[in-house]
Amino acid sequence: MLELANIDAGYGGFQALFGISMSVKAGEAVAVIGSNGAGKTTLLRVISGLLPASSGTMSMEGTALRETPPHKIVETGIAHVPEGRRLFPRLSVENNLKIGAFVPAARAKFAQRLAFVYELFPRLKERRTQLAGTLSGGERQMLALATALLCRPAVLLVDELSLGLAPAVVERLMILVARLRDELGLAVLLVEQNAGAALAVADYGYVMEHGRVVYDGPRDRLLAHADVREFYLGVGHRAGRKSYTDVKQYRRRRRWF
């Protein structure tokens, strides 16, 4: 579905990505983990056309993304939920959602898709006339996700879903990501510093360091990898053998919200 091969990118004279190759298959949740500054956000900006790649190839179901204007990339089936929940704080919840349905196909079915996201996020329906800037952090993240879903993407790019949120809220949102994959067949590329939460819902994962992919593999293989466990999950000799409860708890639970 989404394929990247040997992608380089940067800002001015600074190179931030070095030969990135990865893929996201239909109905698959893929986690990209790594420390701050690893290049995770840059990766999503390149995929969605906000930052041009300097070399390499990217395609979405056969469409060459590097040759597609940024404002047309959403029409290929890619939606981007950026870091920091970029909403319009002085507009209501529902007006923010209307902005999410700006592509022609989404505008034509806005009422149907609005009903869908309100079913998925009943809290947003309760607050549909409330200004987005007055929502809680978790509610703003729900609104950011719902806005992206208005165009019914095939691939959802999510940048730092857990940023600044309480653990209980993070858990509910990660469970929702799993629901989108399992019930709707949506592919999700999830960029996270919270490695435990991301790998709990992922099918496959990539570990980035200094703009490069240093490990990749199925979730269970990454969870068993000594370096991943020690440096990203807090399990190992140097970490004092702390537990990674995110993974264990999320994988046990089956409740939606």
Protein backbone atom coordinates (compact mmCIF):
# COMPACT_ATOMS: atom_id res chain seq x y z
CA MET A 1 0.00 0.00 0.00
CA LEU A 2 2.42 2.71 1.22
CA GLU A 3 6.02 2.08 0.15
CA LEU A 4 9.18 4.10 0.83
CA ALA A 5 12.59 3.23 -0.63
CA ASN A 6 15.89 4.95 0.18
CA ILE A 7 14.36 8.26 1.24
CA ASP A 8 16.72 11.11 2.12
CA ALA A 9 15.40 14.45 3.37
CA GLY A 10 16.45 17.45 5.40
CA TYR A 11 16.08 21.12 6.20
CA GLY A 12 18.37 23.41 4.22
CA GLY A 13 21.88 22.04 4.60
CA PHE A 14 20.92 19.70 7.45
CA GLN A 15 20.12 16.11 6.48
CA ALA A 16 17.52 14.56 8.78
CA LEU A 17 16.67 11.26 7.04
CA PHE A 18 19.17 8.81 5.58
CA GLY A 19 18.03 6.05 3.23
CA ILE A 20 14.69 5.31 4.89
CA SER A 21 12.89 2.26 3.48
CA MET A 22 9.64 0.96 4.97
CA SER A 23 6.19 -0.23 4.02
CA VAL A 24 2.68 -0.17 5.46
CA LYS A 25 0.24 -2.83 4.30
CA ALA A 26 -3.54 -2.58 4.19
CA GLY A 27 -5.12 -3.19 7.59
CA GLU A 28 -1.77 -3.04 9.39
CA ALA A 29 -0.66 -0.86 12.30
CA VAL A 30 3.02 0.06 12.05
CA ALA A 31 4.88 1.77 14.90
CA VAL A 32 7.91 4.00 14.40
CA ILE A 33 9.69 4.48 17.71
CA GLY A 34 12.79 6.35 18.74
CA SER A 35 14.02 9.14 20.95
CA ASN A 36 13.37 12.84 20.40
CA GLY A 37 15.29 14.01 17.34
CA ALA A 38 15.43 10.60 15.69
CA GLY A 39 13.63 11.90 12.59
CA LYS A 40 10.18 10.43 13.24
CA THR A 41 8.20 13.63 12.70
CA THR A 42 10.31 14.50 9.66
CA LEU A 43 9.40 11.11 8.20
CA LEU A 44 5.66 11.83 8.39
CA ARG A 45 6.15 15.34 7.00
CA VAL A 46 7.94 13.86 4.00
CA ILE A 47 5.21 11.27 3.37
CA SER A 48 2.44 13.88 3.51
CA GLY A 49 4.35 16.29 1.26
CA LEU A 50 5.01 19.00 3.83
CA LEU A 51 8.75 18.47 3.35
CA PRO A 52 10.18 17.32 0.01
CA ALA A 53 12.44 14.30 -0.10
CA SER A 54 15.82 14.92 -1.72
CA SER A 55 16.14 11.37 -3.08
CA GLY A 56 14.43 7.99 -3.06
CA THR A 57 10.93 6.89 -4.03
CA MET A 58 7.55 6.88 -2.29
CA SER A 59 4.30 5.44 -3.59
CA MET A 60 0.75 5.04 -2.36
CA GLU A 61 -1.03 2.19 -4.15
CA GLY A 62 1.06 2.85 -7.24
CA THR A 63 0.85 6.66 -7.17
CA ALA A 64 4.28 8.30 -7.02
CA LEU A 65 4.07 10.65 -4.03
CA ARG A 66 7.18 12.66 -4.85
CA GLU A 67 5.48 13.67 -8.11
CA THR A 68 2.16 14.49 -6.41
CA PRO A 69 1.49 18.07 -5.21
CA PRO A 70 1.18 18.22 -1.40
CA HIS A 71 -2.46 19.33 -1.50
CA LYS A 72 -3.30 16.29 -3.65
CA ILE A 73 -1.66 13.68 -1.43
CA VAL A 74 -4.74 13.43 0.79
CA GLU A 75 -6.68 12.36 -2.31
CA THR A 76 -4.39 9.33 -2.68
CA GLY A 77 -5.78 8.03 0.64
CA ILE A 78 -3.29 9.45 3.15
CA ALA A 79 -4.36 11.56 6.13
CA HIS A 80 -1.91 13.12 8.59
CA VAL A 81 -2.64 13.83 12.27
CA PRO A 82 0.30 16.11 13.14
CA GLU A 83 2.07 16.43 16.45
CA GLY A 84 0.43 18.93 18.79
CA ARG A 85 -3.20 18.48 17.65
CA ARG A 86 -3.31 21.30 15.07
CA LEU A 87 -6.91 22.45 15.40
CA PHE A 88 -8.75 25.74 14.98
CA PRO A 89 -9.32 26.68 18.64
CA ARG A 90 -11.84 29.47 17.95
CA LEU A 91 -14.06 27.24 15.83
CA SER A 92 -16.55 24.72 17.16
CA VAL A 93 -15.95 20.99 17.16
CA GLU A 94 -18.30 20.54 14.22
CA ASN A 95 -16.75 23.34 12.19
CA ASN A 96 -13.31 21.78 12.69
CA LEU A 97 -14.76 18.55 11.35
CA LYS A 98 -16.17 20.36 8.31
CA ILE A 99 -12.66 21.55 7.50
CA GLY A 100 -11.51 17.93 7.59
CA ALA A 101 -13.97 17.12 4.81
CA PHE A 102 -12.42 19.50 2.29
CA VAL A 103 -11.69 16.98 -0.46
CA PRO A 104 -14.55 16.64 -2.99
CA ALA A 105 -15.33 13.00 -2.17
CA ALA A 106 -15.62 13.82 1.54
CA ARG A 107 -17.77 16.93 0.98
CA ALA A 108 -20.23 14.91 -1.07
CA LYS A 109 -20.76 12.47 1.83
CA PHE A 110 -20.21 14.81 4.75
CA ALA A 111 -23.43 13.99 6.64
CA GLN A 112 -22.79 10.26 6.41
CA ARG A 113 -19.16 10.60 7.49
CA LEU A 114 -20.01 13.02 10.28
CA ALA A 115 -22.48 10.47 11.68
CA PHE A 116 -19.71 7.85 11.47
CA VAL A 117 -17.18 9.87 13.48
CA TYR A 118 -19.82 10.88 16.04
CA GLU A 119 -20.59 7.18 16.52
CA LEU A 120 -16.89 6.53 16.94
CA PHE A 121 -16.41 9.53 19.25
CA PRO A 122 -19.69 10.10 21.14
CA ARG A 123 -17.97 12.65 23.36
CA LEU A 124 -17.38 14.88 20.36
CA LYS A 125 -21.06 14.71 19.44
CA GLU A 126 -21.91 15.89 22.95
CA ARG A 127 -19.53 18.83 22.49
CA ARG A 128 -20.19 19.56 18.82
CA THR A 129 -21.04 23.25 19.48
CA GLN A 130 -18.17 23.77 21.95
CA LEU A 131 -15.08 25.69 20.87
CA ALA A 132 -12.18 23.34 20.13
CA GLY A 133 -9.84 25.42 22.27
CA THR A 134 -11.90 24.69 25.39
CA LEU A 135 -11.67 20.88 25.09
CA SER A 136 -9.44 18.77 27.30
CA GLY A 137 -6.19 17.41 25.87
CA GLY A 138 -7.71 13.98 25.28
CA GLU A 139 -10.78 15.47 23.62
CA ARG A 140 -8.60 17.61 21.34
CA GLN A 141 -6.70 14.50 20.31
CA MET A 142 -10.01 12.76 19.56
CA LEU A 143 -11.02 15.75 17.45
CA ALA A 144 -7.71 15.67 15.56
CA LEU A 145 -8.21 11.98 14.78
CA ALA A 146 -11.86 12.49 13.82
CA THR A 147 -10.98 15.38 11.51
CA ALA A 148 -8.49 13.17 9.67
CA LEU A 149 -11.05 10.38 9.41
CA LEU A 150 -13.60 12.64 7.70
CA CYS A 151 -11.86 12.02 4.36
CA ARG A 152 -11.99 8.24 4.98
CA PRO A 153 -8.28 7.60 4.39
CA ALA A 154 -6.72 4.25 3.61
CA VAL A 155 -3.57 5.17 5.59
CA LEU A 156 -3.60 7.30 8.73
CA LEU A 157 -0.33 8.96 9.78
CA VAL A 158 -0.39 9.75 13.52
CA ASP A 159 2.39 11.80 15.13
CA GLU A 160 2.86 11.46 18.91
CA LEU A 161 -0.68 10.44 19.86
CA SER A 162 0.29 10.24 23.54
CA LEU A 163 1.99 13.63 23.80
CA GLY A 164 1.04 15.43 27.01
CA LEU A 165 -1.81 13.07 27.90
CA ALA A 166 -2.50 11.09 31.07
CA PRO A 167 -1.75 7.34 30.87
CA ALA A 168 -5.43 6.40 31.11
CA VAL A 169 -6.27 8.67 28.16
CA VAL A 170 -3.34 7.29 26.16
CA GLU A 171 -4.61 3.78 26.77
CA ARG A 172 -8.10 4.61 25.47
CA LEU A 173 -6.68 6.30 22.36
CA MET A 174 -4.35 3.40 21.59
CA ILE A 175 -7.25 0.98 21.92
CA LEU A 176 -9.13 3.17 19.45
CA VAL A 177 -6.22 2.88 17.00
CA ALA A 178 -6.50 -0.89 17.25
CA ARG A 179 -10.23 -0.63 16.64
CA LEU A 180 -9.73 1.45 13.49
CA ARG A 181 -7.38 -1.22 12.18
CA ASP A 182 -9.43 -4.24 13.22
CA GLU A 183 -12.96 -3.04 12.41
CA LEU A 184 -12.35 -0.69 9.48
CA GLY A 185 -9.26 -2.22 7.92
CA LEU A 186 -7.46 1.12 8.19
CA ALA A 187 -3.67 1.11 7.89
CA VAL A 188 -1.98 3.21 10.58
CA LEU A 189 1.57 4.54 10.71
CA LEU A 190 2.05 5.54 14.34
CA VAL A 191 5.05 7.65 15.34
CA GLU A 192 5.67 7.56 19.10
CA GLN A 193 8.21 8.21 21.83
CA ASN A 194 6.01 6.06 24.07
CA ALA A 195 7.38 2.79 22.67
CA GLY A 196 5.43 0.52 24.99
CA ALA A 197 2.08 2.03 24.04
CA ALA A 198 2.88 2.03 20.32
CA LEU A 199 4.15 -1.57 20.18
CA ALA A 200 1.15 -2.73 22.19
CA VAL A 201 -1.14 -2.05 19.24
CA ALA A 202 1.31 -2.44 16.33
CA ASP A 203 1.71 -5.41 14.02
CA TYR A 204 5.15 -4.31 12.86
CA GLY A 205 7.68 -1.77 14.07
CA TYR A 206 10.68 0.30 13.04
CA VAL A 207 13.24 1.81 15.41
CA MET A 208 14.85 5.06 14.28
CA GLU A 209 18.06 6.63 15.54
CA HIS A 210 19.67 9.77 14.11
CA GLY A 211 17.56 9.68 10.96
CA ARG A 212 18.14 6.01 10.17
CA VAL A 213 16.18 2.79 10.67
CA VAL A 214 18.35 0.65 12.95
CA TYR A 215 15.92 -2.22 13.71
CA ASP A 216 12.67 -3.42 12.24
CA GLY A 217 10.48 -6.46 12.49
CA PRO A 218 7.18 -7.89 13.75
CA ARG A 219 6.08 -6.55 17.13
CA ASP A 220 6.95 -9.68 19.08
CA ARG A 221 10.45 -9.75 17.62
CA LEU A 222 11.04 -6.14 18.64
CA LEU A 223 9.65 -6.80 22.12
CA ALA A 224 12.16 -9.62 22.48
CA HIS A 225 15.12 -7.60 21.17
CA ALA A 226 17.54 -6.83 24.01
CA ASP A 227 18.37 -3.27 22.89
CA VAL A 228 14.74 -2.35 22.26
CA ARG A 229 13.73 -3.72 25.64
CA GLU A 230 16.52 -1.90 27.45
CA PHE A 231 16.58 1.48 25.74
CA TYR A 232 12.95 1.93 24.70
CA LEU A 233 10.87 -0.23 27.06
CA GLY A 234 12.88 0.18 30.28
CA VAL A 235 13.65 -3.52 30.68
CA GLY A 236 17.19 -4.70 31.23
CA HIS A 237 20.34 -4.42 33.27
CA ARG A 238 20.96 -0.68 32.94
CA ALA A 239 17.29 0.13 33.33
CA GLY A 240 17.05 -1.79 36.60
CA ARG A 241 14.68 -4.34 35.06
CA LYS A 242 11.62 -2.10 35.19
CA SER A 243 8.40 -3.53 33.81
CA TYR A 244 6.84 -2.32 30.56
CA THR A 245 3.24 -2.36 31.72
CA ASP A 246 1.90 -0.51 28.65
CA VAL A 247 2.44 -3.54 26.44
CA LYS A 248 1.10 -6.11 28.87
CA GLN A 249 -1.94 -4.11 29.96
CA TYR A 250 -3.07 -2.89 26.53
CA ARG A 251 -2.80 -6.33 24.99
CA ARG A 252 -5.03 -7.81 27.72
CA ARG A 253 -7.83 -5.29 27.33
CA ARG A 254 -10.69 -5.46 24.85
CA ARG A 255 -12.90 -2.54 25.85
CA TRP A 256 -13.62 0.32 23.44
CA PHE A 257 -14.89 3.80 24.26
